[in-house]
């Protein structure tokens, strides 16, 4: 496989805009895919912050975004998906971005 395009994506911890306390009794919402980079960052952040909270898993990003906008939940999302009704908080530097690579299979060229 060949990488044909690559960029760095800025990540933030997000919660509902009206949420006064970032960590506490929220529910963490993540993708079901254990390899999802956003999931990995959120779970790592919670572990390193010594935070325990219930976890809801979804198949895609849309219900994760809706949960963050409408219920007392938190997640990690890229800057491009954060809406005006979400509160965003910077993550520690080592978790604040990921590299996104677009790849093609050499055998299909």
N, C-alpha and C. Protein backbone atom coordinates (compact mmCIF):
# COMPACT_ATOMS: atom_id res chain seq x y z
N UNK A 1 0.83 -1.18 0.00
CA UNK A 1 0.00 0.00 0.00
C UNK A 1 0.87 1.24 0.00
N UNK A 2 0.39 2.26 -0.68
CA UNK A 2 1.08 3.55 -0.76
C UNK A 2 0.21 4.64 -0.15
N UNK A 3 0.82 5.48 0.68
CA UNK A 3 0.12 6.64 1.19
C UNK A 3 0.15 7.71 0.10
N UNK A 4 -1.03 8.20 -0.29
CA UNK A 4 -1.08 9.21 -1.34
C UNK A 4 -1.34 10.61 -0.79
N UNK A 5 -1.80 10.68 0.46
CA UNK A 5 -2.06 11.97 1.08
C UNK A 5 -2.06 11.77 2.58
N UNK A 6 -1.53 12.72 3.31
CA UNK A 6 -1.43 12.61 4.76
C UNK A 6 -1.62 13.98 5.38
N UNK A 7 -2.32 14.03 6.51
CA UNK A 7 -2.44 15.29 7.24
C UNK A 7 -2.61 15.01 8.72
N UNK A 8 -2.38 16.03 9.53
CA UNK A 8 -2.51 15.93 10.98
C UNK A 8 -3.87 16.47 11.38
N UNK A 9 -4.59 15.72 12.19
CA UNK A 9 -5.92 16.10 12.63
C UNK A 9 -5.87 16.48 14.11
N UNK A 10 -6.34 17.67 14.45
CA UNK A 10 -6.35 18.16 15.83
C UNK A 10 -7.56 17.58 16.57
N UNK A 11 -7.32 17.01 17.76
CA UNK A 11 -8.37 16.37 18.55
C UNK A 11 -8.66 17.17 19.82
N UNK A 12 -9.92 17.09 20.27
CA UNK A 12 -10.34 17.75 21.50
C UNK A 12 -11.25 16.83 22.29
N UNK A 13 -11.25 17.02 23.59
CA UNK A 13 -12.22 16.39 24.47
C UNK A 13 -13.46 17.27 24.39
N UNK A 14 -14.63 16.69 24.13
CA UNK A 14 -15.84 17.48 23.96
C UNK A 14 -16.94 17.02 24.90
N UNK A 15 -17.80 17.98 25.25
CA UNK A 15 -18.98 17.72 26.09
C UNK A 15 -20.05 18.72 25.66
N UNK A 16 -21.28 18.59 26.18
CA UNK A 16 -22.31 19.58 25.84
C UNK A 16 -21.88 20.99 26.27
N UNK A 17 -22.25 21.99 25.51
CA UNK A 17 -21.85 23.37 25.78
C UNK A 17 -22.25 23.84 27.18
N UNK A 18 -23.42 23.41 27.66
CA UNK A 18 -23.90 23.87 28.97
C UNK A 18 -23.36 23.05 30.13
N UNK A 19 -22.47 22.11 29.84
CA UNK A 19 -21.89 21.26 30.89
C UNK A 19 -20.91 22.08 31.73
N UNK A 20 -21.20 22.20 33.02
CA UNK A 20 -20.35 23.02 33.90
C UNK A 20 -19.06 22.30 34.29
N UNK A 21 -19.15 21.01 34.55
CA UNK A 21 -17.99 20.23 35.00
C UNK A 21 -17.62 19.23 33.91
N UNK A 22 -16.38 19.27 33.45
CA UNK A 22 -15.98 18.41 32.33
C UNK A 22 -15.98 16.94 32.69
N UNK A 23 -15.37 16.58 33.80
CA UNK A 23 -15.33 15.18 34.19
C UNK A 23 -16.14 14.99 35.46
N UNK A 24 -16.82 13.90 35.55
CA UNK A 24 -17.65 13.63 36.72
C UNK A 24 -18.60 12.50 36.43
N UNK A 25 -19.89 12.82 36.36
CA UNK A 25 -20.90 11.78 36.17
C UNK A 25 -21.33 11.63 34.72
N UNK A 26 -20.52 12.07 33.80
CA UNK A 26 -20.84 11.93 32.39
C UNK A 26 -20.73 10.47 31.94
N UNK A 27 -21.22 10.25 30.75
CA UNK A 27 -21.09 8.97 30.07
C UNK A 27 -20.10 9.17 28.94
N UNK A 28 -19.14 8.28 28.79
CA UNK A 28 -18.19 8.36 27.69
C UNK A 28 -18.81 7.66 26.48
N UNK A 29 -18.82 8.33 25.33
CA UNK A 29 -19.36 7.73 24.11
C UNK A 29 -18.22 7.53 23.12
N UNK A 30 -18.15 6.31 22.56
CA UNK A 30 -17.05 5.94 21.67
C UNK A 30 -17.57 5.06 20.54
N UNK A 31 -16.74 4.88 19.55
CA UNK A 31 -17.02 3.96 18.46
C UNK A 31 -16.80 2.53 18.95
N UNK A 32 -17.60 1.59 18.44
CA UNK A 32 -17.45 0.17 18.82
C UNK A 32 -16.12 -0.43 18.36
N UNK A 33 -15.59 0.11 17.29
CA UNK A 33 -14.35 -0.40 16.71
C UNK A 33 -13.19 -0.15 17.68
N UNK A 34 -12.61 -1.21 18.18
CA UNK A 34 -11.51 -1.10 19.16
C UNK A 34 -10.28 -0.40 18.57
N UNK A 35 -10.18 -0.34 17.24
CA UNK A 35 -9.04 0.32 16.58
C UNK A 35 -9.31 1.79 16.24
N UNK A 36 -10.48 2.28 16.57
CA UNK A 36 -10.81 3.68 16.28
C UNK A 36 -9.84 4.59 17.04
N UNK A 37 -9.15 5.50 16.35
CA UNK A 37 -8.17 6.35 17.03
C UNK A 37 -8.81 7.29 18.05
N UNK A 38 -10.03 7.78 17.79
CA UNK A 38 -10.71 8.66 18.75
C UNK A 38 -11.03 7.89 20.03
N UNK A 39 -11.49 6.66 19.88
CA UNK A 39 -11.78 5.80 21.03
C UNK A 39 -10.51 5.59 21.86
N UNK A 40 -9.43 5.25 21.17
CA UNK A 40 -8.17 4.99 21.87
C UNK A 40 -7.71 6.21 22.67
N UNK A 41 -7.83 7.39 22.09
CA UNK A 41 -7.40 8.61 22.78
C UNK A 41 -8.28 8.86 24.00
N UNK A 42 -9.61 8.74 23.85
CA UNK A 42 -10.49 8.99 24.99
C UNK A 42 -10.22 8.00 26.12
N UNK A 43 -10.13 6.72 25.80
CA UNK A 43 -9.90 5.73 26.85
C UNK A 43 -8.54 5.93 27.52
N UNK A 44 -7.54 6.31 26.75
CA UNK A 44 -6.22 6.60 27.33
C UNK A 44 -6.31 7.82 28.25
N UNK A 45 -7.00 8.86 27.80
CA UNK A 45 -7.15 10.07 28.61
C UNK A 45 -7.86 9.76 29.93
N UNK A 46 -8.94 9.00 29.87
CA UNK A 46 -9.68 8.65 31.08
C UNK A 46 -8.81 7.82 32.03
N UNK A 47 -8.09 6.89 31.47
CA UNK A 47 -7.21 6.05 32.30
C UNK A 47 -6.12 6.89 32.97
N UNK A 48 -5.48 7.75 32.21
CA UNK A 48 -4.40 8.57 32.76
C UNK A 48 -4.91 9.63 33.73
N UNK A 49 -6.21 10.00 33.59
CA UNK A 49 -6.82 10.97 34.51
C UNK A 49 -7.45 10.27 35.70
N UNK A 50 -7.34 8.94 35.73
CA UNK A 50 -7.92 8.13 36.79
C UNK A 50 -9.42 8.36 36.92
N UNK A 51 -10.11 8.44 35.76
CA UNK A 51 -11.55 8.65 35.72
C UNK A 51 -12.26 7.35 35.35
N UNK A 52 -13.29 7.03 36.10
CA UNK A 52 -14.12 5.86 35.80
C UNK A 52 -15.50 6.38 35.41
N UNK A 53 -16.00 5.95 34.26
CA UNK A 53 -17.36 6.33 33.86
C UNK A 53 -17.94 5.26 32.96
N UNK A 54 -19.28 5.27 32.87
CA UNK A 54 -19.96 4.33 32.00
C UNK A 54 -19.59 4.63 30.55
N UNK A 55 -19.64 3.59 29.72
CA UNK A 55 -19.24 3.70 28.33
C UNK A 55 -20.39 3.25 27.44
N UNK A 56 -20.71 4.05 26.44
CA UNK A 56 -21.69 3.68 25.42
C UNK A 56 -20.93 3.58 24.11
N UNK A 57 -21.15 2.50 23.38
CA UNK A 57 -20.48 2.28 22.09
C UNK A 57 -21.49 2.39 20.95
N UNK A 58 -21.09 3.07 19.88
CA UNK A 58 -21.90 3.22 18.69
C UNK A 58 -21.12 2.73 17.47
N UNK A 59 -21.86 2.45 16.39
CA UNK A 59 -21.25 1.97 15.16
C UNK A 59 -20.62 3.07 14.30
N UNK A 60 -21.09 4.30 14.46
CA UNK A 60 -20.55 5.38 13.63
C UNK A 60 -20.54 6.70 14.38
N UNK A 61 -20.06 7.74 13.76
CA UNK A 61 -19.87 9.03 14.42
C UNK A 61 -21.16 9.81 14.69
N UNK A 62 -22.16 9.66 13.86
CA UNK A 62 -23.39 10.46 14.01
C UNK A 62 -24.02 10.34 15.40
N UNK A 63 -24.27 9.13 15.92
CA UNK A 63 -24.84 9.07 17.27
C UNK A 63 -23.89 9.56 18.36
N UNK A 64 -22.59 9.45 18.13
CA UNK A 64 -21.62 9.99 19.09
C UNK A 64 -21.76 11.51 19.16
N UNK A 65 -21.83 12.15 18.01
CA UNK A 65 -21.98 13.60 17.94
C UNK A 65 -23.29 14.02 18.59
N UNK A 66 -24.39 13.35 18.27
CA UNK A 66 -25.70 13.67 18.85
C UNK A 66 -25.70 13.49 20.36
N UNK A 67 -25.03 12.45 20.85
CA UNK A 67 -24.95 12.23 22.29
C UNK A 67 -24.22 13.36 22.98
N UNK A 68 -23.13 13.79 22.40
CA UNK A 68 -22.35 14.89 23.00
C UNK A 68 -23.17 16.18 22.98
N UNK A 69 -23.93 16.40 21.96
CA UNK A 69 -24.73 17.62 21.85
C UNK A 69 -25.92 17.63 22.80
N UNK A 70 -26.48 16.44 23.08
CA UNK A 70 -27.78 16.40 23.75
C UNK A 70 -27.85 15.75 25.12
N UNK A 71 -26.85 15.00 25.51
CA UNK A 71 -26.90 14.37 26.83
C UNK A 71 -25.60 14.63 27.58
N UNK A 72 -25.57 14.29 28.83
CA UNK A 72 -24.40 14.53 29.67
C UNK A 72 -23.32 13.50 29.35
N UNK A 73 -22.62 13.73 28.24
CA UNK A 73 -21.60 12.77 27.79
C UNK A 73 -20.36 13.49 27.33
N UNK A 74 -19.29 12.72 27.20
CA UNK A 74 -18.03 13.26 26.66
C UNK A 74 -17.51 12.31 25.60
N UNK A 75 -16.66 12.85 24.74
CA UNK A 75 -16.00 12.04 23.72
C UNK A 75 -14.78 12.81 23.24
N UNK A 76 -14.05 12.18 22.34
CA UNK A 76 -12.94 12.86 21.65
C UNK A 76 -13.33 12.94 20.18
N UNK A 77 -13.26 14.15 19.63
CA UNK A 77 -13.59 14.38 18.23
C UNK A 77 -12.55 15.28 17.58
N UNK A 78 -12.43 15.18 16.25
CA UNK A 78 -11.54 16.11 15.55
C UNK A 78 -12.19 17.49 15.46
N UNK A 79 -11.37 18.50 15.36
CA UNK A 79 -11.83 19.89 15.27
C UNK A 79 -12.93 20.06 14.22
N UNK A 80 -12.80 19.39 13.09
CA UNK A 80 -13.75 19.56 11.98
C UNK A 80 -15.16 19.08 12.30
N UNK A 81 -15.34 18.27 13.33
CA UNK A 81 -16.67 17.76 13.67
C UNK A 81 -17.29 18.42 14.90
N UNK A 82 -16.60 19.37 15.48
CA UNK A 82 -17.09 20.02 16.70
C UNK A 82 -18.04 21.15 16.32
N UNK A 83 -19.26 21.10 16.89
CA UNK A 83 -20.27 22.11 16.57
C UNK A 83 -20.29 23.20 17.64
N UNK A 84 -21.05 24.25 17.36
CA UNK A 84 -21.12 25.39 18.27
C UNK A 84 -21.82 25.06 19.59
N UNK A 85 -22.58 23.97 19.64
CA UNK A 85 -23.23 23.61 20.90
C UNK A 85 -22.45 22.55 21.68
N UNK A 86 -21.14 22.50 21.42
CA UNK A 86 -20.25 21.62 22.17
C UNK A 86 -19.18 22.46 22.85
N UNK A 87 -18.78 22.02 24.02
CA UNK A 87 -17.64 22.63 24.71
C UNK A 87 -16.43 21.79 24.35
N UNK A 88 -15.35 22.43 23.95
CA UNK A 88 -14.13 21.68 23.63
C UNK A 88 -13.03 22.05 24.60
N UNK A 89 -12.25 21.05 24.96
CA UNK A 89 -11.14 21.24 25.90
C UNK A 89 -9.90 20.60 25.26
N UNK A 90 -8.80 21.30 25.35
CA UNK A 90 -7.55 20.79 24.79
C UNK A 90 -7.11 19.53 25.53
N UNK A 91 -6.62 18.58 24.79
CA UNK A 91 -6.05 17.35 25.36
C UNK A 91 -4.57 17.56 25.63
N UNK A 92 -3.97 16.73 26.46
CA UNK A 92 -2.51 16.81 26.62
C UNK A 92 -1.82 16.68 25.25
N UNK A 93 -0.70 17.34 25.10
CA UNK A 93 -0.02 17.42 23.80
C UNK A 93 0.16 16.06 23.12
N UNK A 94 0.55 15.04 23.88
CA UNK A 94 0.79 13.73 23.28
C UNK A 94 -0.48 13.03 22.78
N UNK A 95 -1.65 13.57 23.11
CA UNK A 95 -2.92 13.01 22.65
C UNK A 95 -3.69 13.97 21.75
N UNK A 96 -3.15 15.14 21.48
CA UNK A 96 -3.92 16.21 20.85
C UNK A 96 -4.04 16.14 19.34
N UNK A 97 -3.38 15.18 18.71
CA UNK A 97 -3.51 15.06 17.26
C UNK A 97 -3.19 13.64 16.80
N UNK A 98 -3.70 13.33 15.63
CA UNK A 98 -3.38 12.04 14.99
C UNK A 98 -3.02 12.32 13.54
N UNK A 99 -2.29 11.42 12.94
CA UNK A 99 -1.92 11.50 11.53
C UNK A 99 -2.94 10.67 10.75
N UNK A 100 -3.56 11.27 9.75
CA UNK A 100 -4.51 10.59 8.88
C UNK A 100 -3.83 10.36 7.54
N UNK A 101 -3.83 9.11 7.10
CA UNK A 101 -3.21 8.74 5.83
C UNK A 101 -4.25 8.17 4.88
N UNK A 102 -4.28 8.67 3.67
CA UNK A 102 -5.10 8.08 2.62
C UNK A 102 -4.18 7.14 1.85
N UNK A 103 -4.59 5.90 1.68
CA UNK A 103 -3.73 4.90 1.05
C UNK A 103 -4.43 4.24 -0.12
N UNK A 104 -3.63 3.72 -1.04
CA UNK A 104 -4.14 2.93 -2.15
C UNK A 104 -3.38 1.61 -2.18
N UNK A 105 -4.06 0.60 -2.61
CA UNK A 105 -3.46 -0.70 -2.76
C UNK A 105 -2.66 -0.73 -4.05
N UNK A 106 -1.38 -1.04 -3.99
CA UNK A 106 -0.52 -1.03 -5.17
C UNK A 106 -1.04 -1.93 -6.29
N UNK A 107 -1.65 -3.03 -5.93
CA UNK A 107 -2.12 -3.97 -6.95
C UNK A 107 -3.27 -3.41 -7.78
N UNK A 108 -3.92 -2.33 -7.33
CA UNK A 108 -5.02 -1.72 -8.07
C UNK A 108 -4.58 -0.58 -8.98
N UNK A 109 -3.29 -0.33 -9.07
CA UNK A 109 -2.82 0.78 -9.91
C UNK A 109 -2.57 0.36 -11.31
